Amino acid sequence: MASNQDKLEVDLEKIISNSVNRFNGLLDNLSKLSNSKINDILWKLRADLELLIIEFKFVLEKENKTERWQTSFKEALKGTSSKQKAVITLEGYRKSDQEIQTIFKKKPEQSFRYFWKLKETISSILSAFPVQKITWSNGEMKKTSEDVFKI
C-alpha cells in the first residue's frame, strides 16, 4: 500500500502536468486569443499555481516564509504592460511536461522554484492583457471592449 507521501507526490505530478500543459497551450494560442481571454486564462493559471506552490511546500516540508532567492527575484522582476514584451517573458518559461516531470522527480526544489517564479511573472505581466479599455469622452469615463472595431 502506498504511503500518504507517495500519494501526494502522484497527485502533485498530475497537477504539475496539467499546469504545464495549460501554460504551453496558452503560449501556442496567444495570437488567436483576445486580451480578455488571455487575462482570464492567466488569472486562473496563477490561482492554480498558488495552490500548487502550497502543495509543494507541504511535500518539501518548507516553512511558510520568504526565502532569500524569492526576495532577490521579486526585486529584479520587471513587469510590463506591453503585450509583445509579456509574450517574450512568458515564452522564457516554456518547458515540456516531460522536462518538468524529470526535474520534479530528481530535484523537486528546483521545480518548486520554477512554478513560484512563473506565478510571480504572470502577476507582473497581467496588465499587458487588459480586460477592458477605458476611454474619456466628454469628461466621462467609458469602458470599451477590445472587440469593437472602428470602420
N, C-alpha and C. Protein backbone atom coordinates (compact mmCIF):
# COMPACT_ATOMS: atom_id res chain seq x y z
N MET A 1 0.84 -1.18 0.00
CA MET A 1 0.00 0.00 0.00
C MET A 1 0.89 1.25 0.00
N ALA A 2 0.56 2.20 -0.83
CA ALA A 2 1.35 3.41 -0.95
C ALA A 2 1.13 4.30 0.28
N SER A 3 2.18 4.97 0.65
CA SER A 3 2.08 5.87 1.80
C SER A 3 1.39 7.16 1.36
N ASN A 4 0.98 7.95 2.34
CA ASN A 4 0.36 9.23 2.04
C ASN A 4 1.30 10.14 1.26
N GLN A 5 2.59 10.09 1.60
CA GLN A 5 3.58 10.92 0.92
C GLN A 5 3.66 10.53 -0.57
N ASP A 6 3.63 9.21 -0.85
CA ASP A 6 3.67 8.75 -2.24
C ASP A 6 2.43 9.21 -3.00
N LYS A 7 1.27 9.13 -2.35
CA LYS A 7 0.03 9.57 -2.99
C LYS A 7 0.08 11.08 -3.27
N LEU A 8 0.60 11.85 -2.32
CA LEU A 8 0.74 13.30 -2.53
C LEU A 8 1.63 13.60 -3.72
N GLU A 9 2.72 12.86 -3.85
CA GLU A 9 3.64 13.09 -4.95
C GLU A 9 2.99 12.73 -6.29
N VAL A 10 2.21 11.66 -6.33
CA VAL A 10 1.50 11.29 -7.55
C VAL A 10 0.47 12.37 -7.90
N ASP A 11 -0.27 12.83 -6.91
CA ASP A 11 -1.23 13.91 -7.13
C ASP A 11 -0.53 15.17 -7.62
N LEU A 12 0.61 15.46 -7.03
CA LEU A 12 1.39 16.64 -7.42
C LEU A 12 1.87 16.50 -8.87
N GLU A 13 2.28 15.32 -9.26
CA GLU A 13 2.71 15.09 -10.65
C GLU A 13 1.57 15.38 -11.62
N LYS A 14 0.35 14.98 -11.27
CA LYS A 14 -0.81 15.24 -12.12
C LYS A 14 -1.08 16.74 -12.22
N ILE A 15 -1.01 17.43 -11.09
CA ILE A 15 -1.26 18.87 -11.07
C ILE A 15 -0.18 19.60 -11.88
N ILE A 16 1.06 19.16 -11.73
CA ILE A 16 2.17 19.75 -12.48
C ILE A 16 1.93 19.57 -13.97
N SER A 17 1.59 18.36 -14.37
CA SER A 17 1.35 18.06 -15.78
C SER A 17 0.22 18.93 -16.34
N ASN A 18 -0.86 19.03 -15.59
CA ASN A 18 -1.99 19.84 -16.02
C ASN A 18 -1.58 21.32 -16.16
N SER A 19 -0.84 21.83 -15.19
CA SER A 19 -0.43 23.23 -15.23
C SER A 19 0.50 23.52 -16.41
N VAL A 20 1.47 22.64 -16.62
CA VAL A 20 2.42 22.83 -17.72
C VAL A 20 1.69 22.76 -19.07
N ASN A 21 0.80 21.80 -19.21
CA ASN A 21 0.08 21.66 -20.48
C ASN A 21 -0.84 22.85 -20.74
N ARG A 22 -1.49 23.37 -19.70
CA ARG A 22 -2.34 24.56 -19.88
C ARG A 22 -1.51 25.77 -20.24
N PHE A 23 -0.36 25.93 -19.57
CA PHE A 23 0.51 27.06 -19.86
C PHE A 23 1.03 26.99 -21.30
N ASN A 24 1.52 25.82 -21.70
CA ASN A 24 2.03 25.68 -23.06
C ASN A 24 0.92 25.84 -24.09
N GLY A 25 -0.27 25.36 -23.77
CA GLY A 25 -1.42 25.55 -24.65
C GLY A 25 -1.74 27.03 -24.84
N LEU A 26 -1.65 27.78 -23.76
CA LEU A 26 -1.86 29.22 -23.85
C LEU A 26 -0.81 29.85 -24.76
N LEU A 27 0.46 29.50 -24.55
CA LEU A 27 1.52 30.06 -25.38
C LEU A 27 1.31 29.72 -26.86
N ASP A 28 0.87 28.51 -27.13
CA ASP A 28 0.64 28.09 -28.51
C ASP A 28 -0.49 28.86 -29.18
N ASN A 29 -1.44 29.36 -28.39
CA ASN A 29 -2.63 30.01 -28.94
C ASN A 29 -2.71 31.51 -28.67
N LEU A 30 -1.65 32.12 -28.18
CA LEU A 30 -1.70 33.54 -27.83
C LEU A 30 -2.17 34.42 -28.97
N SER A 31 -1.71 34.16 -30.17
CA SER A 31 -2.06 35.03 -31.30
C SER A 31 -3.53 34.89 -31.70
N LYS A 32 -4.17 33.83 -31.29
CA LYS A 32 -5.57 33.57 -31.66
C LYS A 32 -6.56 34.08 -30.62
N LEU A 33 -6.08 34.44 -29.44
CA LEU A 33 -6.96 34.79 -28.33
C LEU A 33 -7.03 36.30 -28.11
N SER A 34 -8.17 36.76 -27.63
CA SER A 34 -8.31 38.18 -27.28
C SER A 34 -7.58 38.44 -25.96
N ASN A 35 -7.26 39.69 -25.73
CA ASN A 35 -6.60 40.06 -24.48
C ASN A 35 -7.43 39.66 -23.27
N SER A 36 -8.74 39.81 -23.37
CA SER A 36 -9.62 39.45 -22.26
C SER A 36 -9.53 37.96 -21.94
N LYS A 37 -9.51 37.14 -22.97
CA LYS A 37 -9.44 35.68 -22.78
C LYS A 37 -8.08 35.31 -22.21
N ILE A 38 -7.02 35.92 -22.70
CA ILE A 38 -5.67 35.65 -22.18
C ILE A 38 -5.61 36.03 -20.71
N ASN A 39 -6.15 37.20 -20.37
CA ASN A 39 -6.17 37.65 -18.99
C ASN A 39 -6.89 36.65 -18.10
N ASP A 40 -8.03 36.16 -18.56
CA ASP A 40 -8.81 35.18 -17.81
C ASP A 40 -8.02 33.89 -17.59
N ILE A 41 -7.39 33.39 -18.64
CA ILE A 41 -6.61 32.16 -18.54
C ILE A 41 -5.43 32.35 -17.60
N LEU A 42 -4.75 33.51 -17.71
CA LEU A 42 -3.60 33.77 -16.84
C LEU A 42 -4.01 33.85 -15.37
N TRP A 43 -5.16 34.50 -15.09
CA TRP A 43 -5.63 34.59 -13.70
C TRP A 43 -5.92 33.21 -13.13
N LYS A 44 -6.57 32.37 -13.93
CA LYS A 44 -6.89 31.02 -13.46
C LYS A 44 -5.61 30.19 -13.28
N LEU A 45 -4.69 30.32 -14.21
CA LEU A 45 -3.43 29.60 -14.10
C LEU A 45 -2.65 30.07 -12.88
N ARG A 46 -2.64 31.37 -12.65
CA ARG A 46 -1.94 31.92 -11.48
C ARG A 46 -2.54 31.38 -10.19
N ALA A 47 -3.86 31.30 -10.12
CA ALA A 47 -4.53 30.76 -8.93
C ALA A 47 -4.16 29.29 -8.74
N ASP A 48 -4.14 28.54 -9.82
CA ASP A 48 -3.76 27.13 -9.73
C ASP A 48 -2.31 26.97 -9.30
N LEU A 49 -1.45 27.86 -9.79
CA LEU A 49 -0.04 27.82 -9.39
C LEU A 49 0.12 28.12 -7.91
N GLU A 50 -0.71 29.01 -7.40
CA GLU A 50 -0.68 29.33 -5.97
C GLU A 50 -0.99 28.08 -5.15
N LEU A 51 -2.00 27.33 -5.58
CA LEU A 51 -2.34 26.07 -4.89
C LEU A 51 -1.23 25.03 -5.06
N LEU A 52 -0.65 24.97 -6.24
CA LEU A 52 0.45 24.05 -6.49
C LEU A 52 1.63 24.35 -5.57
N ILE A 53 1.91 25.60 -5.37
CA ILE A 53 3.01 26.01 -4.50
C ILE A 53 2.75 25.59 -3.06
N ILE A 54 1.51 25.69 -2.64
CA ILE A 54 1.15 25.24 -1.29
C ILE A 54 1.39 23.74 -1.16
N GLU A 55 0.99 22.98 -2.18
CA GLU A 55 1.24 21.53 -2.19
C GLU A 55 2.74 21.24 -2.14
N PHE A 56 3.50 21.97 -2.94
CA PHE A 56 4.96 21.82 -2.94
C PHE A 56 5.53 22.03 -1.54
N LYS A 57 5.09 23.10 -0.90
CA LYS A 57 5.60 23.41 0.43
C LYS A 57 5.33 22.27 1.40
N PHE A 58 4.16 21.66 1.27
CA PHE A 58 3.82 20.55 2.15
C PHE A 58 4.72 19.34 1.86
N VAL A 59 4.86 18.99 0.59
CA VAL A 59 5.67 17.83 0.21
C VAL A 59 7.14 18.05 0.55
N LEU A 60 7.62 19.28 0.31
CA LEU A 60 9.03 19.58 0.58
C LEU A 60 9.28 19.95 2.04
N GLU A 61 8.19 19.99 2.82
CA GLU A 61 8.27 20.34 4.24
C GLU A 61 8.94 21.70 4.44
N LYS A 62 8.48 22.67 3.63
CA LYS A 62 9.01 24.03 3.71
C LYS A 62 8.18 24.86 4.68
N GLU A 63 8.86 25.74 5.35
CA GLU A 63 8.16 26.70 6.20
C GLU A 63 7.52 27.75 5.31
N ASN A 64 6.51 28.38 5.81
CA ASN A 64 5.82 29.41 5.05
C ASN A 64 6.47 30.77 5.27
N LYS A 65 7.70 30.88 4.78
CA LYS A 65 8.41 32.15 4.91
C LYS A 65 9.09 32.47 3.58
N THR A 66 9.39 33.73 3.39
CA THR A 66 10.05 34.15 2.17
C THR A 66 11.54 33.85 2.28
N GLU A 67 12.06 33.19 1.26
CA GLU A 67 13.48 32.85 1.24
C GLU A 67 14.25 33.93 0.50
N ARG A 68 15.55 33.93 0.68
CA ARG A 68 16.41 34.96 0.09
C ARG A 68 16.27 35.00 -1.44
N TRP A 69 16.25 33.84 -2.10
CA TRP A 69 16.14 33.82 -3.56
C TRP A 69 14.82 34.41 -4.04
N GLN A 70 13.76 34.25 -3.24
CA GLN A 70 12.46 34.81 -3.61
C GLN A 70 12.50 36.34 -3.54
N THR A 71 13.11 36.85 -2.50
CA THR A 71 13.24 38.30 -2.36
C THR A 71 14.07 38.87 -3.50
N SER A 72 15.18 38.23 -3.82
CA SER A 72 16.04 38.70 -4.92
C SER A 72 15.29 38.67 -6.24
N PHE A 73 14.54 37.61 -6.49
CA PHE A 73 13.79 37.50 -7.74
C PHE A 73 12.75 38.61 -7.85
N LYS A 74 12.02 38.84 -6.77
CA LYS A 74 10.99 39.88 -6.79
C LYS A 74 11.59 41.27 -7.00
N GLU A 75 12.73 41.51 -6.39
CA GLU A 75 13.38 42.82 -6.55
C GLU A 75 13.84 43.03 -7.99
N ALA A 76 14.27 41.97 -8.66
CA ALA A 76 14.77 42.07 -10.03
C ALA A 76 13.64 41.97 -11.07
N LEU A 77 12.48 41.50 -10.66
CA LEU A 77 11.37 41.28 -11.59
C LEU A 77 10.85 42.60 -12.12
N LYS A 78 10.77 42.66 -13.43
CA LYS A 78 10.24 43.85 -14.09
C LYS A 78 8.94 43.48 -14.78
N GLY A 79 7.88 44.11 -14.37
CA GLY A 79 6.59 43.87 -15.02
C GLY A 79 6.52 44.68 -16.31
N THR A 80 5.48 44.45 -17.07
CA THR A 80 5.29 45.20 -18.31
C THR A 80 3.82 45.27 -18.66
N SER A 81 3.46 46.32 -19.36
CA SER A 81 2.11 46.41 -19.90
C SER A 81 2.15 46.27 -21.42
N SER A 82 3.33 45.96 -21.94
CA SER A 82 3.50 45.73 -23.37
C SER A 82 3.21 44.26 -23.68
N LYS A 83 2.26 44.03 -24.56
CA LYS A 83 1.90 42.66 -24.91
C LYS A 83 3.09 41.92 -25.52
N GLN A 84 3.83 42.60 -26.38
CA GLN A 84 4.98 41.98 -27.03
C GLN A 84 6.03 41.54 -26.02
N LYS A 85 6.35 42.40 -25.07
CA LYS A 85 7.33 42.05 -24.03
C LYS A 85 6.80 40.94 -23.12
N ALA A 86 5.51 40.99 -22.81
CA ALA A 86 4.90 39.97 -21.95
C ALA A 86 4.98 38.60 -22.61
N VAL A 87 4.72 38.53 -23.90
CA VAL A 87 4.78 37.26 -24.62
C VAL A 87 6.20 36.71 -24.60
N ILE A 88 7.18 37.57 -24.84
CA ILE A 88 8.59 37.14 -24.80
C ILE A 88 8.94 36.63 -23.40
N THR A 89 8.50 37.32 -22.38
CA THR A 89 8.76 36.91 -20.99
C THR A 89 8.14 35.55 -20.70
N LEU A 90 6.89 35.36 -21.11
CA LEU A 90 6.22 34.08 -20.88
C LEU A 90 6.89 32.95 -21.65
N GLU A 91 7.30 33.23 -22.87
CA GLU A 91 7.98 32.19 -23.68
C GLU A 91 9.25 31.70 -22.99
N GLY A 92 9.88 32.55 -22.20
CA GLY A 92 11.08 32.16 -21.47
C GLY A 92 10.82 31.06 -20.44
N TYR A 93 9.57 30.83 -20.11
CA TYR A 93 9.21 29.80 -19.13
C TYR A 93 8.70 28.51 -19.79
N ARG A 94 8.71 28.47 -21.11
CA ARG A 94 8.21 27.29 -21.80
C ARG A 94 9.12 26.09 -21.54
N LYS A 95 8.53 25.04 -21.05
CA LYS A 95 9.21 23.76 -20.83
C LYS A 95 8.21 22.66 -21.13
N SER A 96 8.70 21.53 -21.57
CA SER A 96 7.79 20.42 -21.85
C SER A 96 7.35 19.77 -20.54
N ASP A 97 6.22 19.09 -20.60
CA ASP A 97 5.72 18.38 -19.43
C ASP A 97 6.75 17.35 -18.97
N GLN A 98 7.33 16.65 -19.92
CA GLN A 98 8.32 15.61 -19.59
C GLN A 98 9.55 16.22 -18.88
N GLU A 99 9.99 17.39 -19.36
CA GLU A 99 11.14 18.06 -18.75
C GLU A 99 10.83 18.45 -17.30
N ILE A 100 9.66 19.01 -17.08
CA ILE A 100 9.27 19.42 -15.72
C ILE A 100 9.11 18.21 -14.81
N GLN A 101 8.52 17.13 -15.32
CA GLN A 101 8.36 15.92 -14.51
C GLN A 101 9.72 15.35 -14.11
N THR A 102 10.67 15.36 -15.03
CA THR A 102 12.02 14.87 -14.72
C THR A 102 12.67 15.72 -13.64
N ILE A 103 12.53 17.03 -13.77
CA ILE A 103 13.09 17.94 -12.77
C ILE A 103 12.42 17.68 -11.41
N PHE A 104 11.09 17.52 -11.43
CA PHE A 104 10.36 17.28 -10.18
C PHE A 104 10.86 16.01 -9.49
N LYS A 105 11.07 14.95 -10.25
CA LYS A 105 11.49 13.68 -9.65
C LYS A 105 12.92 13.72 -9.14
N LYS A 106 13.79 14.45 -9.85
CA LYS A 106 15.20 14.49 -9.47
C LYS A 106 15.52 15.64 -8.51
N LYS A 107 14.92 16.80 -8.76
CA LYS A 107 15.19 18.00 -7.96
C LYS A 107 13.89 18.75 -7.69
N PRO A 108 13.09 18.25 -6.76
CA PRO A 108 11.79 18.89 -6.53
C PRO A 108 11.90 20.36 -6.10
N GLU A 109 12.96 20.73 -5.42
CA GLU A 109 13.14 22.13 -5.02
C GLU A 109 13.26 23.02 -6.25
N GLN A 110 13.97 22.58 -7.27
CA GLN A 110 14.13 23.35 -8.50
C GLN A 110 12.78 23.50 -9.20
N SER A 111 11.99 22.46 -9.18
CA SER A 111 10.65 22.51 -9.77
C SER A 111 9.77 23.51 -9.01
N PHE A 112 9.86 23.49 -7.69
CA PHE A 112 9.13 24.45 -6.86
C PHE A 112 9.50 25.88 -7.26
N ARG A 113 10.79 26.13 -7.41
CA ARG A 113 11.26 27.47 -7.78
C ARG A 113 10.73 27.90 -9.14
N TYR A 114 10.72 26.98 -10.09
CA TYR A 114 10.21 27.28 -11.43
C TYR A 114 8.76 27.76 -11.35
N PHE A 115 7.91 27.01 -10.66
CA PHE A 115 6.50 27.37 -10.58
C PHE A 115 6.28 28.64 -9.77
N TRP A 116 7.06 28.85 -8.74
CA TRP A 116 6.92 30.08 -7.95
C TRP A 116 7.29 31.28 -8.82
N LYS A 117 8.38 31.18 -9.56
CA LYS A 117 8.81 32.28 -10.44
C LYS A 117 7.79 32.52 -11.55
N LEU A 118 7.24 31.45 -12.10
CA LEU A 118 6.21 31.60 -13.15
C LEU A 118 5.00 32.33 -12.59
N LYS A 119 4.57 31.97 -11.39
CA LYS A 119 3.42 32.64 -10.77
C LYS A 119 3.68 34.13 -10.59
N GLU A 120 4.84 34.48 -10.09
CA GLU A 120 5.18 35.88 -9.88
C GLU A 120 5.30 36.63 -11.21
N THR A 121 5.84 35.97 -12.20
CA THR A 121 5.99 36.60 -13.52
C THR A 121 4.62 36.85 -14.13
N ILE A 122 3.72 35.90 -14.02
CA ILE A 122 2.36 36.09 -14.53
C ILE A 122 1.73 37.30 -13.86
N SER A 123 1.91 37.43 -12.56
CA SER A 123 1.35 38.58 -11.84
C SER A 123 1.90 39.89 -12.39
N SER A 124 3.18 39.88 -12.77
CA SER A 124 3.82 41.12 -13.20
C SER A 124 3.46 41.53 -14.63
N ILE A 125 2.90 40.63 -15.43
CA ILE A 125 2.60 40.97 -16.82
C ILE A 125 1.09 41.00 -17.13
N LEU A 126 0.26 40.80 -16.13
CA LEU A 126 -1.18 40.77 -16.37
C LEU A 126 -1.71 42.05 -17.02
N SER A 127 -1.11 43.18 -16.70
CA SER A 127 -1.61 44.44 -17.26
C SER A 127 -1.37 44.53 -18.78
N ALA A 128 -0.57 43.65 -19.34
CA ALA A 128 -0.34 43.63 -20.79
C ALA A 128 -1.55 43.07 -21.54
N PHE A 129 -2.45 42.43 -20.80
CA PHE A 129 -3.63 41.82 -21.40
C PHE A 129 -4.88 42.35 -20.70
N PRO A 130 -5.22 43.61 -20.97
CA PRO A 130 -6.34 44.23 -20.27
C PRO A 130 -7.68 43.60 -20.65
N VAL A 131 -8.57 43.58 -19.67
CA VAL A 131 -9.90 43.04 -19.89
C VAL A 131 -10.73 44.05 -20.68
N GLN A 132 -10.67 45.29 -20.27
CA GLN A 132 -11.40 46.35 -20.96
C GLN A 132 -10.50 47.57 -21.06
N LYS A 133 -10.74 48.33 -22.09
CA LYS A 133 -10.01 49.59 -22.23
C LYS A 133 -10.93 50.71 -21.74
N ILE A 134 -10.32 51.70 -21.15
CA ILE A 134 -11.08 52.83 -20.62
C ILE A 134 -10.73 54.06 -21.45
N THR A 135 -11.74 54.77 -21.92
CA THR A 135 -11.53 56.00 -22.68
C THR A 135 -12.32 57.13 -22.02
N TRP A 136 -11.86 58.35 -22.26
CA TRP A 136 -12.56 59.53 -21.77
C TRP A 136 -13.29 60.17 -22.93
N SER A 137 -14.57 60.44 -22.72
CA SER A 137 -15.37 61.10 -23.74
C SER A 137 -16.30 62.09 -23.05
N ASN A 138 -16.19 63.34 -23.43
CA ASN A 138 -17.00 64.41 -22.83
C ASN A 138 -16.90 64.43 -21.31
N GLY A 139 -15.69 64.24 -20.80
CA GLY A 139 -15.47 64.28 -19.36
C GLY A 139 -15.97 63.06 -18.61
N GLU A 140 -16.38 62.01 -19.32
CA GLU A 140 -16.86 60.80 -18.68
C GLU A 140 -15.99 59.61 -19.05
N MET A 141 -15.84 58.73 -18.08
CA MET A 141 -15.08 57.52 -18.34
C MET A 141 -16.00 56.49 -18.97
N LYS A 142 -15.54 55.93 -20.10
CA LYS A 142 -16.33 54.89 -20.76
C LYS A 142 -15.45 53.66 -20.96
N LYS A 143 -16.03 52.52 -20.68
CA LYS A 143 -15.33 51.26 -20.91
C LYS A 143 -15.67 50.78 -22.31
N THR A 144 -14.63 50.42 -23.05
CA THR A 144 -14.85 49.91 -24.40
C THR A 144 -14.27 48.51 -24.49
N SER A 145 -14.94 47.69 -25.24
CA SER A 145 -14.48 46.32 -25.44
C SER A 145 -13.43 46.33 -26.53
N GLU A 146 -12.45 45.44 -26.42
CA GLU A 146 -11.44 45.38 -27.44
C GLU A 146 -11.98 44.75 -28.72
N ASP A 147 -13.16 44.16 -28.66
CA ASP A 147 -13.75 43.51 -29.82
C ASP A 147 -14.50 44.48 -30.71
N VAL A 148 -14.58 45.76 -30.32
CA VAL A 148 -15.28 46.77 -31.10
C VAL A 148 -14.26 47.43 -32.03
N PHE A 149 -14.56 47.42 -33.31
CA PHE A 149 -13.64 48.00 -34.29
C PHE A 149 -14.29 49.20 -34.94
N LYS A 150 -13.49 50.21 -35.22
CA LYS A 150 -13.97 51.38 -35.97
C LYS A 150 -13.75 51.09 -37.44
N ILE A 151 -14.77 51.35 -38.22
CA ILE A 151 -14.66 51.12 -39.68
C ILE A 151 -14.61 52.45 -40.39
